[in-house]
N, C-alpha and C. Protein backbone atom coordinates (compact mmCIF):
# COMPACT_ATOMS: atom_id res chain seq x y z
N MET A 1 -13.43 5.94 -31.39
CA MET A 1 -13.00 5.24 -32.33
C MET A 1 -13.27 3.94 -32.78
N ALA A 2 -14.56 3.09 -33.48
CA ALA A 2 -14.75 1.82 -33.08
C ALA A 2 -13.46 0.72 -33.54
N VAL A 3 -13.26 0.05 -33.26
CA VAL A 3 -12.08 -1.24 -33.96
C VAL A 3 -12.13 -2.75 -33.75
N GLN A 4 -12.82 -3.33 -34.71
CA GLN A 4 -13.69 -4.30 -35.19
C GLN A 4 -12.01 -5.34 -35.84
N ARG A 5 -12.31 -6.34 -34.67
CA ARG A 5 -11.75 -7.18 -35.36
C ARG A 5 -12.05 -8.43 -35.84
N TYR A 6 -11.37 -9.42 -36.60
CA TYR A 6 -12.80 -10.45 -37.33
C TYR A 6 -12.05 -11.55 -36.91
N ILE A 7 -12.59 -12.83 -37.10
CA ILE A 7 -11.30 -14.33 -35.97
C ILE A 7 -12.73 -15.14 -37.40
N SER A 8 -11.53 -15.52 -38.38
CA SER A 8 -11.51 -16.47 -39.78
C SER A 8 -12.78 -17.90 -38.95
N SER A 9 -13.64 -18.27 -39.55
CA SER A 9 -13.96 -19.42 -39.22
C SER A 9 -13.66 -20.51 -38.61
N SER A 10 -12.41 -20.43 -39.51
CA SER A 10 -11.83 -21.86 -40.21
C SER A 10 -10.04 -22.17 -38.95
N PHE A 11 -10.78 -20.02 -38.14
CA PHE A 11 -9.70 -20.87 -36.21
C PHE A 11 -10.49 -22.19 -35.96
N TRP A 12 -11.99 -22.02 -35.19
CA TRP A 12 -11.98 -23.27 -34.35
C TRP A 12 -11.55 -24.11 -35.37
N SER A 13 -11.12 -25.10 -36.53
CA SER A 13 -10.61 -26.41 -36.40
C SER A 13 -9.41 -26.69 -36.80
N ASP A 14 -8.57 -24.99 -36.56
CA ASP A 14 -7.41 -25.16 -35.68
C ASP A 14 -6.72 -27.08 -35.23
N ASP A 15 -6.26 -27.26 -35.00
CA ASP A 15 -5.38 -28.63 -34.47
C ASP A 15 -5.10 -28.45 -33.12
N TRP A 16 -4.16 -26.71 -33.87
CA TRP A 16 -3.62 -26.25 -31.85
C TRP A 16 -4.65 -25.56 -31.11
N VAL A 17 -5.63 -25.12 -31.53
CA VAL A 17 -7.17 -24.56 -30.67
C VAL A 17 -7.85 -25.62 -30.55
N ASP A 18 -7.62 -26.24 -31.55
CA ASP A 18 -9.32 -27.44 -30.90
C ASP A 18 -8.65 -28.50 -30.03
N SER A 19 -7.39 -28.65 -29.84
CA SER A 19 -6.47 -28.72 -28.15
C SER A 19 -6.56 -28.76 -26.84
N LEU A 20 -7.27 -27.05 -27.18
CA LEU A 20 -7.13 -25.68 -25.48
C LEU A 20 -8.57 -26.63 -25.09
N THR A 21 -8.33 -25.93 -23.70
CA THR A 21 -9.57 -26.83 -23.12
C THR A 21 -10.34 -24.63 -23.11
N GLY A 22 -11.82 -25.03 -22.89
CA GLY A 22 -12.49 -24.08 -23.06
C GLY A 22 -11.95 -22.67 -22.63
N LEU A 23 -11.31 -22.91 -20.90
CA LEU A 23 -10.68 -21.57 -20.64
C LEU A 23 -10.12 -20.68 -21.42
N GLU A 24 -8.71 -22.27 -22.16
CA GLU A 24 -7.75 -21.31 -22.18
C GLU A 24 -8.38 -20.48 -23.75
N LYS A 25 -9.20 -21.19 -24.57
CA LYS A 25 -9.47 -20.76 -26.05
C LYS A 25 -10.17 -19.38 -25.35
N LEU A 26 -10.92 -18.86 -24.31
CA LEU A 26 -11.40 -17.93 -23.99
C LEU A 26 -10.43 -16.70 -24.08
N LEU A 27 -10.01 -17.07 -22.81
CA LEU A 27 -8.50 -16.52 -22.87
C LEU A 27 -7.84 -16.07 -24.72
N TYR A 28 -7.40 -17.19 -24.75
CA TYR A 28 -7.04 -16.74 -25.90
C TYR A 28 -7.41 -15.96 -26.65
N MET A 29 -9.26 -16.25 -27.30
CA MET A 29 -9.50 -14.85 -28.68
C MET A 29 -9.91 -13.56 -26.98
N TYR A 30 -9.80 -13.57 -25.95
CA TYR A 30 -9.38 -12.78 -25.16
C TYR A 30 -8.11 -11.54 -25.42
N LEU A 31 -7.05 -12.11 -25.35
CA LEU A 31 -6.40 -11.44 -25.50
C LEU A 31 -6.45 -11.10 -26.98
N LEU A 32 -6.92 -11.85 -28.25
CA LEU A 32 -6.59 -10.93 -29.71
C LEU A 32 -7.34 -10.32 -29.52
N THR A 33 -8.72 -9.91 -29.16
CA THR A 33 -9.57 -8.93 -29.13
C THR A 33 -9.91 -7.88 -28.51
N ASN A 34 -9.62 -7.89 -27.24
CA ASN A 34 -9.36 -6.35 -26.05
C ASN A 34 -9.20 -5.22 -26.66
N GLU A 35 -9.34 -4.02 -26.34
CA GLU A 35 -9.72 -2.68 -26.16
C GLU A 35 -7.63 -2.76 -26.76
N CYS A 36 -6.94 -3.57 -25.86
CA CYS A 36 -5.32 -3.03 -25.53
C CYS A 36 -4.70 -3.29 -26.18
N THR A 37 -5.25 -4.80 -27.41
CA THR A 37 -3.83 -4.87 -27.82
C THR A 37 -4.12 -4.30 -29.41
N SER A 38 -3.25 -4.10 -30.06
CA SER A 38 -2.62 -3.03 -30.87
C SER A 38 -1.80 -4.41 -32.24
N ILE A 39 -2.18 -3.20 -33.14
CA ILE A 39 -0.31 -4.10 -34.17
C ILE A 39 0.91 -4.23 -33.73
N CYS A 40 0.70 -3.54 -32.64
CA CYS A 40 1.61 -3.69 -31.79
C CYS A 40 2.38 -4.87 -30.88
N GLY A 41 1.39 -4.82 -30.88
CA GLY A 41 1.31 -5.54 -29.33
C GLY A 41 0.23 -5.22 -28.27
N TYR A 42 0.24 -5.58 -27.00
CA TYR A 42 -0.40 -5.17 -25.68
C TYR A 42 0.18 -3.70 -24.87
N GLN A 43 -0.73 -3.28 -24.83
CA GLN A 43 -0.79 -2.58 -24.13
C GLN A 43 -0.97 -2.00 -22.71
N PHE A 44 0.21 -2.37 -21.73
CA PHE A 44 -0.46 -2.78 -20.87
C PHE A 44 -0.80 -1.30 -19.45
């Protein structure tokens, strides 16, 4: 079953996100949206 995760467009205008480098933004988005992430945390 597919899981869909949505990121608000206001995410990109947040001051904290704006302070991240491009690589840090990619890593953060990966951690938020990859298939091992659940409501309870991260499955290793």
